[in-house]
Amino acid sequence: MNKKVLVVGGAGYIGSHVNKELSKAGFETVVFDNFSKGHREFVRWGELFEGDLANIEDLEKVFQDYQIGAVLHFAAFIELGESVVDPQKYYLNNLRNTLNLL
């Protein structure tokens, strides 16, 4: 069984904690993050692939380079006030980029 998990947004608060717990449970992880909201110092477990969900080539490369068995997606924007002020930013990141991943 392939235990390599792609943790998209794994340099953010929730993603980094999930990545830590996956590693403690014996899973190999690959953190995929563009660091627009996440922090490089939060990536303490697994491998790092710096990429952007908006870039299809980044997605193709991570799936070519690693034998991924599962994907966990934590790369959504979550600030309510900002989403009201700039809904297009949230649409592009939270919907379009999720569709790119799928």
PDB file of N, CA and C in Angstrom:
ATOM      1  N   MET A   1       0.837  -1.186   0.000  1.00  0.00           N
ATOM      2  CA  MET A   1       0.000   0.000   0.000  1.00  0.00           C
ATOM      3  C   MET A   1       0.887   1.256   0.000  1.00  0.00           C
ATOM      4  N   ASN A   2       0.542   2.187  -0.857  1.00  0.00           N
ATOM      5  CA  ASN A   2       1.293   3.438  -0.940  1.00  0.00           C
ATOM      6  C   ASN A   2       0.843   4.363   0.183  1.00  0.00           C
ATOM      7  N   LYS A   3       1.775   4.750   1.041  1.00  0.00           N
ATOM      8  CA  LYS A   3       1.444   5.619   2.168  1.00  0.00           C
ATOM      9  C   LYS A   3       1.905   7.047   1.959  1.00  0.00           C
ATOM     10  N   LYS A   4       2.250   7.449   0.729  1.00  0.00           N
ATOM     11  CA  LYS A   4       2.702   8.815   0.486  1.00  0.00           C
ATOM     12  C   LYS A   4       1.478   9.700   0.300  1.00  0.00           C
ATOM     13  N   VAL A   5       1.399  10.753   1.122  1.00  0.00           N
ATOM     14  CA  VAL A   5       0.251  11.656   1.115  1.00  0.00           C
ATOM     15  C   VAL A   5       0.704  13.039   0.681  1.00  0.00           C
ATOM     16  N   LEU A   6      -0.009  13.616  -0.279  1.00  0.00           N
ATOM     17  CA  LEU A   6       0.236  14.988  -0.710  1.00  0.00           C
ATOM     18  C   LEU A   6      -0.603  15.899   0.179  1.00  0.00           C
ATOM     19  N   VAL A   7       0.058  16.792   0.903  1.00  0.00           N
ATOM     20  CA  VAL A   7      -0.631  17.728   1.791  1.00  0.00           C
ATOM     21  C   VAL A   7      -0.557  19.111   1.141  1.00  0.00           C
ATOM     22  N   VAL A   8      -1.629  19.463   0.442  1.00  0.00           N
ATOM     23  CA  VAL A   8      -1.690  20.741  -0.259  1.00  0.00           C
ATOM     24  C   VAL A   8      -2.015  21.821   0.773  1.00  0.00           C
ATOM     25  N   GLY A   9      -1.191  22.850   0.819  1.00  0.00           N
ATOM     26  CA  GLY A   9      -1.338  23.864   1.857  1.00  0.00           C
ATOM     27  C   GLY A   9      -0.738  23.406   3.172  1.00  0.00           C
ATOM     28  N   GLY A  10       0.233  22.529   3.097  1.00  0.00           N
ATOM     29  CA  GLY A  10       0.835  21.946   4.297  1.00  0.00           C
ATOM     30  C   GLY A  10       1.748  22.879   5.073  1.00  0.00           C
ATOM     31  N   ALA A  11       1.952  24.100   4.584  1.00  0.00           N
ATOM     32  CA  ALA A  11       2.758  25.077   5.322  1.00  0.00           C
ATOM     33  C   ALA A  11       1.877  26.063   6.079  1.00  0.00           C
ATOM     34  N   GLY A  12       0.578  25.857   6.036  1.00  0.00           N
ATOM     35  CA  GLY A  12      -0.344  26.694   6.799  1.00  0.00           C
ATOM     36  C   GLY A  12      -0.590  26.090   8.174  1.00  0.00           C
ATOM     37  N   TYR A  13      -1.411  26.735   8.959  1.00  0.00           N
ATOM     38  CA  TYR A  13      -1.638  26.303  10.338  1.00  0.00           C
ATOM     39  C   TYR A  13      -2.242  24.895  10.399  1.00  0.00           C
ATOM     40  N   ILE A  14      -3.381  24.695   9.757  1.00  0.00           N
ATOM     41  CA  ILE A  14      -4.056  23.388   9.833  1.00  0.00           C
ATOM     42  C   ILE A  14      -3.257  22.332   9.077  1.00  0.00           C
ATOM     43  N   GLY A  15      -2.825  22.668   7.860  1.00  0.00           N
ATOM     44  CA  GLY A  15      -2.081  21.704   7.060  1.00  0.00           C
ATOM     45  C   GLY A  15      -0.808  21.225   7.729  1.00  0.00           C
ATOM     46  N   SER A  16      -0.108  22.117   8.402  1.00  0.00           N
ATOM     47  CA  SER A  16       1.138  21.710   9.061  1.00  0.00           C
ATOM     48  C   SER A  16       0.871  20.771  10.236  1.00  0.00           C
ATOM     49  N   HIS A  17      -0.228  20.988  10.951  1.00  0.00           N
ATOM     50  CA  HIS A  17      -0.574  20.089  12.061  1.00  0.00           C
ATOM     51  C   HIS A  17      -1.018  18.725  11.542  1.00  0.00           C
ATOM     52  N   VAL A  18      -1.772  18.712  10.456  1.00  0.00           N
ATOM     53  CA  VAL A  18      -2.158  17.435   9.850  1.00  0.00           C
ATOM     54  C   VAL A  18      -0.921  16.705   9.348  1.00  0.00           C
ATOM     55  N   ASN A  19      -0.012  17.435   8.716  1.00  0.00           N
ATOM     56  CA  ASN A  19       1.224  16.832   8.229  1.00  0.00           C
ATOM     57  C   ASN A  19       2.014  16.192   9.376  1.00  0.00           C
ATOM     58  N   LYS A  20       2.092  16.873  10.486  1.00  0.00           N
ATOM     59  CA  LYS A  20       2.796  16.340  11.659  1.00  0.00           C
ATOM     60  C   LYS A  20       2.152  15.037  12.128  1.00  0.00           C
ATOM     61  N   GLU A  21       0.838  15.032  12.226  1.00  0.00           N
ATOM     62  CA  GLU A  21       0.136  13.831  12.709  1.00  0.00           C
ATOM     63  C   GLU A  21       0.255  12.673  11.716  1.00  0.00           C
ATOM     64  N   LEU A  22       0.207  12.975  10.423  1.00  0.00           N
ATOM     65  CA  LEU A  22       0.401  11.924   9.422  1.00  0.00           C
ATOM     66  C   LEU A  22       1.786  11.298   9.566  1.00  0.00           C
ATOM     67  N   SER A  23       2.777  12.134   9.747  1.00  0.00           N
ATOM     68  CA  SER A  23       4.149  11.641   9.908  1.00  0.00           C
ATOM     69  C   SER A  23       4.272  10.781  11.155  1.00  0.00           C
ATOM     70  N   LYS A  24       3.656  11.216  12.251  1.00  0.00           N
ATOM     71  CA  LYS A  24       3.691  10.435  13.494  1.00  0.00           C
ATOM     72  C   LYS A  24       3.006   9.088  13.313  1.00  0.00           C
ATOM     73  N   ALA A  25       2.019   9.035  12.414  1.00  0.00           N
ATOM     74  CA  ALA A  25       1.273   7.800  12.169  1.00  0.00           C
ATOM     75  C   ALA A  25       1.969   6.891  11.152  1.00  0.00           C
ATOM     76  N   GLY A  26       3.133   7.323  10.650  1.00  0.00           N
ATOM     77  CA  GLY A  26       3.906   6.472   9.761  1.00  0.00           C
ATOM     78  C   GLY A  26       3.727   6.752   8.275  1.00  0.00           C
ATOM     79  N   PHE A  27       3.009   7.776   7.926  1.00  0.00           N
ATOM     80  CA  PHE A  27       2.834   8.128   6.520  1.00  0.00           C
ATOM     81  C   PHE A  27       3.994   8.986   6.035  1.00  0.00           C
ATOM     82  N   GLU A  28       4.370   8.803   4.794  1.00  0.00           N
ATOM     83  CA  GLU A  28       5.319   9.693   4.141  1.00  0.00           C
ATOM     84  C   GLU A  28       4.505  10.827   3.543  1.00  0.00           C
ATOM     85  N   THR A  29       4.975  12.058   3.681  1.00  0.00           N
ATOM     86  CA  THR A  29       4.217  13.191   3.180  1.00  0.00           C
ATOM     87  C   THR A  29       5.040  14.034   2.225  1.00  0.00           C
ATOM     88  N   VAL A  30       4.307  14.692   1.338  1.00  0.00           N
ATOM     89  CA  VAL A  30       4.873  15.703   0.461  1.00  0.00           C
ATOM     90  C   VAL A  30       4.015  16.945   0.650  1.00  0.00           C
ATOM     91  N   VAL A  31       4.619  18.009   1.127  1.00  0.00           N
ATOM     92  CA  VAL A  31       3.910  19.276   1.310  1.00  0.00           C
ATOM     93  C   VAL A  31       4.002  20.058   0.007  1.00  0.00           C
ATOM     94  N   PHE A  32       2.831  20.453  -0.505  1.00  0.00           N
ATOM     95  CA  PHE A  32       2.730  21.270  -1.721  1.00  0.00           C
ATOM     96  C   PHE A  32       2.206  22.620  -1.284  1.00  0.00           C
ATOM     97  N   ASP A  33       3.012  23.673  -1.453  1.00  0.00           N
ATOM     98  CA  ASP A  33       2.603  24.991  -0.976  1.00  0.00           C
ATOM     99  C   ASP A  33       3.293  26.073  -1.808  1.00  0.00           C
ATOM    100  N   ASN A  34       2.612  27.205  -1.973  1.00  0.00           N
ATOM    101  CA  ASN A  34       3.220  28.342  -2.680  1.00  0.00           C
ATOM    102  C   ASN A  34       3.663  29.439  -1.708  1.00  0.00           C
ATOM    103  N   PHE A  35       3.415  29.250  -0.431  1.00  0.00           N
ATOM    104  CA  PHE A  35       3.821  30.159   0.638  1.00  0.00           C
ATOM    105  C   PHE A  35       3.174  31.540   0.549  1.00  0.00           C
ATOM    106  N   SER A  36       2.009  31.629  -0.099  1.00  0.00           N
ATOM    107  CA  SER A  36       1.296  32.908  -0.116  1.00  0.00           C
ATOM    108  C   SER A  36       0.688  33.200   1.253  1.00  0.00           C
ATOM    109  N   LYS A  37       0.328  32.161   1.991  1.00  0.00           N
ATOM    110  CA  LYS A  37      -0.197  32.301   3.349  1.00  0.00           C
ATOM    111  C   LYS A  37       0.572  31.445   4.352  1.00  0.00           C
ATOM    112  N   GLY A  38       1.196  30.373   3.872  1.00  0.00           N
ATOM    113  CA  GLY A  38       1.908  29.453   4.746  1.00  0.00           C
ATOM    114  C   GLY A  38       3.311  29.941   5.084  1.00  0.00           C
ATOM    115  N   HIS A  39       3.981  29.170   5.903  1.00  0.00           N
ATOM    116  CA  HIS A  39       5.302  29.541   6.400  1.00  0.00           C
ATOM    117  C   HIS A  39       6.266  28.382   6.197  1.00  0.00           C
ATOM    118  N   ARG A  40       7.367  28.656   5.548  1.00  0.00           N
ATOM    119  CA  ARG A  40       8.369  27.625   5.252  1.00  0.00           C
ATOM    120  C   ARG A  40       8.814  26.889   6.525  1.00  0.00           C
ATOM    121  N   GLU A  41       8.928  27.620   7.622  1.00  0.00           N
ATOM    122  CA  GLU A  41       9.400  26.987   8.863  1.00  0.00           C
ATOM    123  C   GLU A  41       8.396  26.000   9.457  1.00  0.00           C
ATOM    124  N   PHE A  42       7.146  26.004   8.968  1.00  0.00           N
ATOM    125  CA  PHE A  42       6.147  25.037   9.430  1.00  0.00           C
ATOM    126  C   PHE A  42       6.322  23.670   8.770  1.00  0.00           C
ATOM    127  N   VAL A  43       7.121  23.588   7.720  1.00  0.00           N
ATOM    128  CA  VAL A  43       7.330  22.321   7.013  1.00  0.00           C
ATOM    129  C   VAL A  43       8.500  21.604   7.671  1.00  0.00           C
ATOM    130  N   ARG A  44       8.182  20.818   8.684  1.00  0.00           N
ATOM    131  CA  ARG A  44       9.201  20.117   9.463  1.00  0.00           C
ATOM    132  C   ARG A  44       9.185  18.618   9.229  1.00  0.00           C
ATOM    133  N   TRP A  45       8.152  18.124   8.555  1.00  0.00           N
ATOM    134  CA  TRP A  45       8.015  16.697   8.324  1.00  0.00           C
ATOM    135  C   TRP A  45       7.781  16.472   6.840  1.00  0.00           C
ATOM    136  N   GLY A  46       8.303  15.362   6.330  1.00  0.00           N
ATOM    137  CA  GLY A  46       8.103  15.006   4.936  1.00  0.00           C
ATOM    138  C   GLY A  46       8.950  15.842   3.990  1.00  0.00           C
ATOM    139  N   GLU A  47       8.590  15.766   2.725  1.00  0.00           N
ATOM    140  CA  GLU A  47       9.304  16.489   1.676  1.00  0.00           C
ATOM    141  C   GLU A  47       8.521  17.740   1.305  1.00  0.00           C
ATOM    142  N   LEU A  48       9.210  18.686   0.713  1.00  0.00           N
ATOM    143  CA  LEU A  48       8.588  19.942   0.289  1.00  0.00           C
ATOM    144  C   LEU A  48       8.627  20.049  -1.224  1.00  0.00           C
ATOM    145  N   PHE A  49       7.481  20.380  -1.808  1.00  0.00           N
ATOM    146  CA  PHE A  49       7.397  20.714  -3.230  1.00  0.00           C
ATOM    147  C   PHE A  49       6.778  22.094  -3.299  1.00  0.00           C
ATOM    148  N   GLU A  50       7.587  23.082  -3.653  1.00  0.00           N
ATOM    149  CA  GLU A  50       7.068  24.444  -3.754  1.00  0.00           C
ATOM    150  C   GLU A  50       6.358  24.585  -5.091  1.00  0.00           C
ATOM    151  N   GLY A  51       5.055  24.782  -5.033  1.00  0.00           N
ATOM    152  CA  GLY A  51       4.259  24.877  -6.245  1.00  0.00           C
ATOM    153  C   GLY A  51       2.976  25.637  -5.981  1.00  0.00           C
ATOM    154  N   ASP A  52       2.264  25.909  -7.060  1.00  0.00           N
ATOM    155  CA  ASP A  52       1.043  26.708  -6.996  1.00  0.00           C
ATOM    156  C   ASP A  52      -0.079  25.959  -7.696  1.00  0.00           C
ATOM    157  N   LEU A  53      -1.224  25.854  -7.053  1.00  0.00           N
ATOM    158  CA  LEU A  53      -2.367  25.176  -7.658  1.00  0.00           C
ATOM    159  C   LEU A  53      -2.850  25.861  -8.929  1.00  0.00           C
ATOM    160  N   ALA A  54      -2.540  27.123  -9.093  1.00  0.00           N
ATOM    161  CA  ALA A  54      -2.925  27.840 -10.311  1.00  0.00           C
ATOM    162  C   ALA A  54      -2.038  27.449 -11.490  1.00  0.00           C
ATOM    163  N   ASN A  55      -0.932  26.781 -11.238  1.00  0.00           N
ATOM    164  CA  ASN A  55       0.017  26.400 -12.276  1.00  0.00           C
ATOM    165  C   ASN A  55      -0.122  24.898 -12.555  1.00  0.00           C
ATOM    166  N   ILE A  56      -0.762  24.565 -13.656  1.00  0.00           N
ATOM    167  CA  ILE A  56      -0.997  23.162 -14.017  1.00  0.00           C
ATOM    168  C   ILE A  56       0.320  22.396 -14.138  1.00  0.00           C
ATOM    169  N   GLU A  57       1.369  23.047 -14.622  1.00  0.00           N
ATOM    170  CA  GLU A  57       2.673  22.377 -14.749  1.00  0.00           C
ATOM    171  C   GLU A  57       3.217  21.943 -13.390  1.00  0.00           C
ATOM    172  N   ASP A  58       3.004  22.764 -12.355  1.00  0.00           N
ATOM    173  CA  ASP A  58       3.421  22.374 -11.003  1.00  0.00           C
ATOM    174  C   ASP A  58       2.683  21.115 -10.556  1.00  0.00           C
ATOM    175  N   LEU A  59       1.394  21.076 -10.823  1.00  0.00           N
ATOM    176  CA  LEU A  59       0.593  19.909 -10.428  1.00  0.00           C
ATOM    177  C   LEU A  59       1.028  18.660 -11.187  1.00  0.00           C
ATOM    178  N   GLU A  60       1.230  18.804 -12.475  1.00  0.00           N
ATOM    179  CA  GLU A  60       1.684  17.650 -13.261  1.00  0.00           C
ATOM    180  C   GLU A  60       3.023  17.141 -12.745  1.00  0.00           C
ATOM    181  N   LYS A  61       3.918  18.053 -12.408  1.00  0.00           N
ATOM    182  CA  LYS A  61       5.257  17.670 -11.952  1.00  0.00           C
ATOM    183  C   LYS A  61       5.215  16.948 -10.609  1.00  0.00           C
ATOM    184  N   VAL A  62       4.424  17.442  -9.669  1.00  0.00           N
ATOM    185  CA  VAL A  62       4.391  16.780  -8.360  1.00  0.00           C
ATOM    186  C   VAL A  62       3.840  15.357  -8.483  1.00  0.00           C
ATOM    187  N   PHE A  63       2.846  15.160  -9.367  1.00  0.00           N
ATOM    188  CA  PHE A  63       2.301  13.809  -9.538  1.00  0.00           C
ATOM    189  C   PHE A  63       3.234  12.917 -10.363  1.00  0.00           C
ATOM    190  N   GLN A  64       4.081  13.503 -11.200  1.00  0.00           N
ATOM    191  CA  GLN A  64       5.091  12.733 -11.922  1.00  0.00           C
ATOM    192  C   GLN A  64       6.247  12.341 -11.005  1.00  0.00           C
ATOM    193  N   ASP A  65       6.637  13.261 -10.113  1.00  0.00           N
ATOM    194  CA  ASP A  65       7.810  13.042  -9.271  1.00  0.00           C
ATOM    195  C   ASP A  65       7.552  12.121  -8.084  1.00  0.00           C
ATOM    196  N   TYR A  66       6.316  12.023  -7.636  1.00  0.00           N
ATOM    197  CA  TYR A  66       5.992  11.252  -6.436  1.00  0.00           C
ATOM    198  C   TYR A  66       4.847  10.281  -6.714  1.00  0.00           C
ATOM    199  N   GLN A  67       4.914   9.123  -6.081  1.00  0.00           N
ATOM    200  CA  GLN A  67       3.842   8.136  -6.154  1.00  0.00           C
ATOM    201  C   GLN A  67       2.835   8.456  -5.047  1.00  0.00           C
ATOM    202  N   ILE A  68       1.888   9.329  -5.359  1.00  0.00           N
ATOM    203  CA  ILE A  68       0.928   9.818  -4.366  1.00  0.00           C
ATOM    204  C   ILE A  68      -0.210   8.809  -4.203  1.00  0.00           C
ATOM    205  N   GLY A  69      -0.486   8.450  -2.952  1.00  0.00           N
ATOM    206  CA  GLY A  69      -1.589   7.538  -2.654  1.00  0.00           C
ATOM    207  C   GLY A  69      -2.844   8.245  -2.188  1.00  0.00           C
ATOM    208  N   ALA A  70      -2.686   9.470  -1.683  1.00  0.00           N
ATOM    209  CA  ALA A  70      -3.834  10.239  -1.182  1.00  0.00           C
ATOM    210  C   ALA A  70      -3.479  11.722  -1.215  1.00  0.00           C
ATOM    211  N   VAL A  71      -4.520  12.544  -1.293  1.00  0.00           N
ATOM    212  CA  VAL A  71      -4.345  13.998  -1.315  1.00  0.00           C
ATOM    213  C   VAL A  71      -5.244  14.619  -0.257  1.00  0.00           C
ATOM    214  N   LEU A  72      -4.671  15.509   0.546  1.00  0.00           N
ATOM    215  CA  LEU A  72      -5.438  16.314   1.503  1.00  0.00           C
ATOM    216  C   LEU A  72      -5.232  17.774   1.131  1.00  0.00           C
ATOM    217  N   HIS A  73      -6.330  18.511   0.999  1.00  0.00           N
ATOM    218  CA  HIS A  73      -6.284  19.883   0.464  1.00  0.00           C
ATOM    219  C   HIS A  73      -6.634  20.888   1.559  1.00  0.00           C
ATOM    220  N   PHE A  74      -5.638  21.721   1.926  1.00  0.00           N
ATOM    221  CA  PHE A  74      -5.819  22.756   2.946  1.00  0.00           C
ATOM    222  C   PHE A  74      -5.395  24.128   2.428  1.00  0.00           C
ATOM    223  N   ALA A  75      -5.462  24.333   1.119  1.00  0.00           N
ATOM    224  CA  ALA A  75      -4.935  25.567   0.536  1.00  0.00           C
ATOM    225  C   ALA A  75      -6.017  26.602   0.236  1.00  0.00           C
ATOM    226  N   ALA A  76      -7.118  26.550   0.931  1.00  0.00           N
ATOM    227  CA  ALA A  76      -8.186  27.529   0.702  1.00  0.00           C
ATOM    228  C   ALA A  76      -7.929  28.796   1.514  1.00  0.00           C
ATOM    229  N   PHE A  77      -8.404  29.908   0.978  1.00  0.00           N
ATOM    230  CA  PHE A  77      -8.406  31.156   1.741  1.00  0.00           C
ATOM    231  C   PHE A  77      -9.628  31.149   2.647  1.00  0.00           C
ATOM    232  N   ILE A  78      -9.508  31.739   3.856  1.00  0.00           N
ATOM    233  CA  ILE A  78     -10.590  31.595   4.838  1.00  0.00           C
ATOM    234  C   ILE A  78     -11.051  32.903   5.479  1.00  0.00           C
ATOM    235  N   GLU A  79     -10.429  34.033   5.158  1.00  0.00           N
ATOM    236  CA  GLU A  79     -10.792  35.277   5.843  1.00  0.00           C
ATOM    237  C   GLU A  79     -12.100  35.840   5.293  1.00  0.00           C
ATOM    238  N   LEU A  80     -13.126  35.871   6.129  1.00  0.00           N
ATOM    239  CA  LEU A  80     -14.456  36.298   5.701  1.00  0.00           C
ATOM    240  C   LEU A  80     -14.468  37.732   5.193  1.00  0.00           C
ATOM    241  N   GLY A  81     -13.904  38.660   5.936  1.00  0.00           N
ATOM    242  CA  GLY A  81     -13.915  40.063   5.529  1.00  0.00           C
ATOM    243  C   GLY A  81     -13.252  40.278   4.185  1.00  0.00           C
ATOM    244  N   GLU A  82     -12.106  39.656   3.991  1.00  0.00           N
ATOM    245  CA  GLU A  82     -11.387  39.782   2.728  1.00  0.00           C
ATOM    246  C   GLU A  82     -12.190  39.169   1.583  1.00  0.00           C
ATOM    247  N   SER A  83     -12.905  38.076   1.865  1.00  0.00           N
ATOM    248  CA  SER A  83     -13.682  37.422   0.807  1.00  0.00           C
ATOM    249  C   SER A  83     -14.826  38.305   0.315  1.00  0.00           C
ATOM    250  N   VAL A  84     -15.342  39.153   1.179  1.00  0.00           N
ATOM    251  CA  VAL A  84     -16.404  40.083   0.790  1.00  0.00           C
ATOM    252  C   VAL A  84     -15.822  41.231  -0.036  1.00  0.00           C
ATOM    253  N   VAL A  85     -14.655  41.697   0.345  1.00  0.00           N
ATOM    254  CA  VAL A  85     -13.999  42.801  -0.353  1.00  0.00           C
ATOM    255  C   VAL A  85     -13.462  42.345  -1.716  1.00  0.00           C
ATOM    256  N   ASP A  86     -12.922  41.130  -1.790  1.00  0.00           N
ATOM    257  CA  ASP A  86     -12.301  40.637  -3.018  1.00  0.00           C
ATOM    258  C   ASP A  86     -12.795  39.218  -3.334  1.00  0.00           C
ATOM    259  N   PRO A  87     -14.063  39.080  -3.724  1.00  0.00           N
ATOM    260  CA  PRO A  87     -14.607  37.738  -3.969  1.00  0.00           C
ATOM    261  C   PRO A  87     -13.925  36.999  -5.123  1.00  0.00           C
ATOM    262  N   GLN A  88     -13.433  37.734  -6.113  1.00  0.00           N
ATOM    263  CA  GLN A  88     -12.767  37.061  -7.229  1.00  0.00           C
ATOM    264  C   GLN A  88     -11.519  36.317  -6.766  1.00  0.00           C
ATOM    265  N   LYS A  89     -10.770  36.908  -5.858  1.00  0.00           N
ATOM    266  CA  LYS A  89      -9.575  36.258  -5.310  1.00  0.00           C
ATOM    267  C   LYS A  89      -9.949  34.911  -4.689  1.00  0.00           C
ATOM    268  N   TYR A  90     -11.053  34.891  -3.968  1.00  0.00           N
ATOM    269  CA  TYR A  90     -11.509  33.667  -3.301  1.00  0.00           C
ATOM    270  C   TYR A  90     -12.061  32.662  -4.299  1.00  0.00           C
ATOM    271  N   TYR A  91     -12.769  33.143  -5.303  1.00  0.00           N
ATOM    272  CA  TYR A  91     -13.272  32.261  -6.354  1.00  0.00           C
ATOM    273  C   TYR A  91     -12.099  31.572  -7.061  1.00  0.00           C
ATOM    274  N   LEU A  92     -11.110  32.366  -7.462  1.00  0.00           N
ATOM    275  CA  LEU A  92      -9.974  31.804  -8.197  1.00  0.00           C
ATOM    276  C   LEU A  92      -9.197  30.800  -7.353  1.00  0.00           C
ATOM    277  N   ASN A  93      -8.918  31.145  -6.107  1.00  0.00           N
ATOM    278  CA  ASN A  93      -8.137  30.239  -5.273  1.00  0.00           C
ATOM    279  C   ASN A  93      -8.952  29.048  -4.784  1.00  0.00           C
ATOM    280  N   ASN A  94     -10.123  29.302  -4.254  1.00  0.00           N
ATOM    281  CA  ASN A  94     -10.861  28.235  -3.588  1.00  0.00           C
ATOM    282  C   ASN A  94     -11.626  27.331  -4.552  1.00  0.00           C
ATOM    283  N   LEU A  95     -12.091  27.858  -5.661  1.00  0.00           N
ATOM    284  CA  LEU A  95     -12.834  27.020  -6.601  1.00  0.00           C
ATOM    285  C   LEU A  95     -11.965  26.602  -7.786  1.00  0.00           C
ATOM    286  N   ARG A  96     -11.475  27.573  -8.541  1.00  0.00           N
ATOM    287  CA  ARG A  96     -10.705  27.224  -9.740  1.00  0.00           C
ATOM    288  C   ARG A  96      -9.484  26.371  -9.393  1.00  0.00           C
ATOM    289  N   ASN A  97      -8.737  26.767  -8.369  1.00  0.00           N
ATOM    290  CA  ASN A  97      -7.532  25.998  -8.042  1.00  0.00           C
ATOM    291  C   ASN A  97      -7.860  24.604  -7.519  1.00  0.00           C
ATOM    292  N   THR A  98      -8.984  24.452  -6.829  1.00  0.00           N
ATOM    293  CA  THR A  98      -9.407  23.117  -6.395  1.00  0.00           C
ATOM    294  C   THR A  98      -9.760  22.264  -7.608  1.00  0.00           C
ATOM    295  N   LEU A  99     -10.420  22.862  -8.585  1.00  0.00           N
ATOM    296  CA  LEU A  99     -10.718  22.126  -9.822  1.00  0.00           C
ATOM    297  C   LEU A  99      -9.426  21.735 -10.543  1.00  0.00           C
ATOM    298  N   ASN A 100      -8.429  22.619 -10.532  1.00  0.00           N
ATOM    299  CA  ASN A 100      -7.126  22.259 -11.124  1.00  0.00           C
ATOM    300  C   ASN A 100      -6.549  21.025 -10.431  1.00  0.00           C
ATOM    301  N   LEU A 101      -6.629  20.983  -9.129  1.00  0.00           N
ATOM    302  CA  LEU A 101      -6.111  19.859  -8.363  1.00  0.00           C
ATOM    303  C   LEU A 101      -6.866  18.580  -8.701  1.00  0.00           C
ATOM    304  N   LEU A 102      -8.182  18.692  -8.797  1.00  0.00           N
ATOM    305  CA  LEU A 102      -8.979  17.515  -9.120  1.00  0.00           C
ATOM    306  C   LEU A 102      -8.667  17.014 -10.519  1.00  0.00           C
TER     307      LEU A 102
END
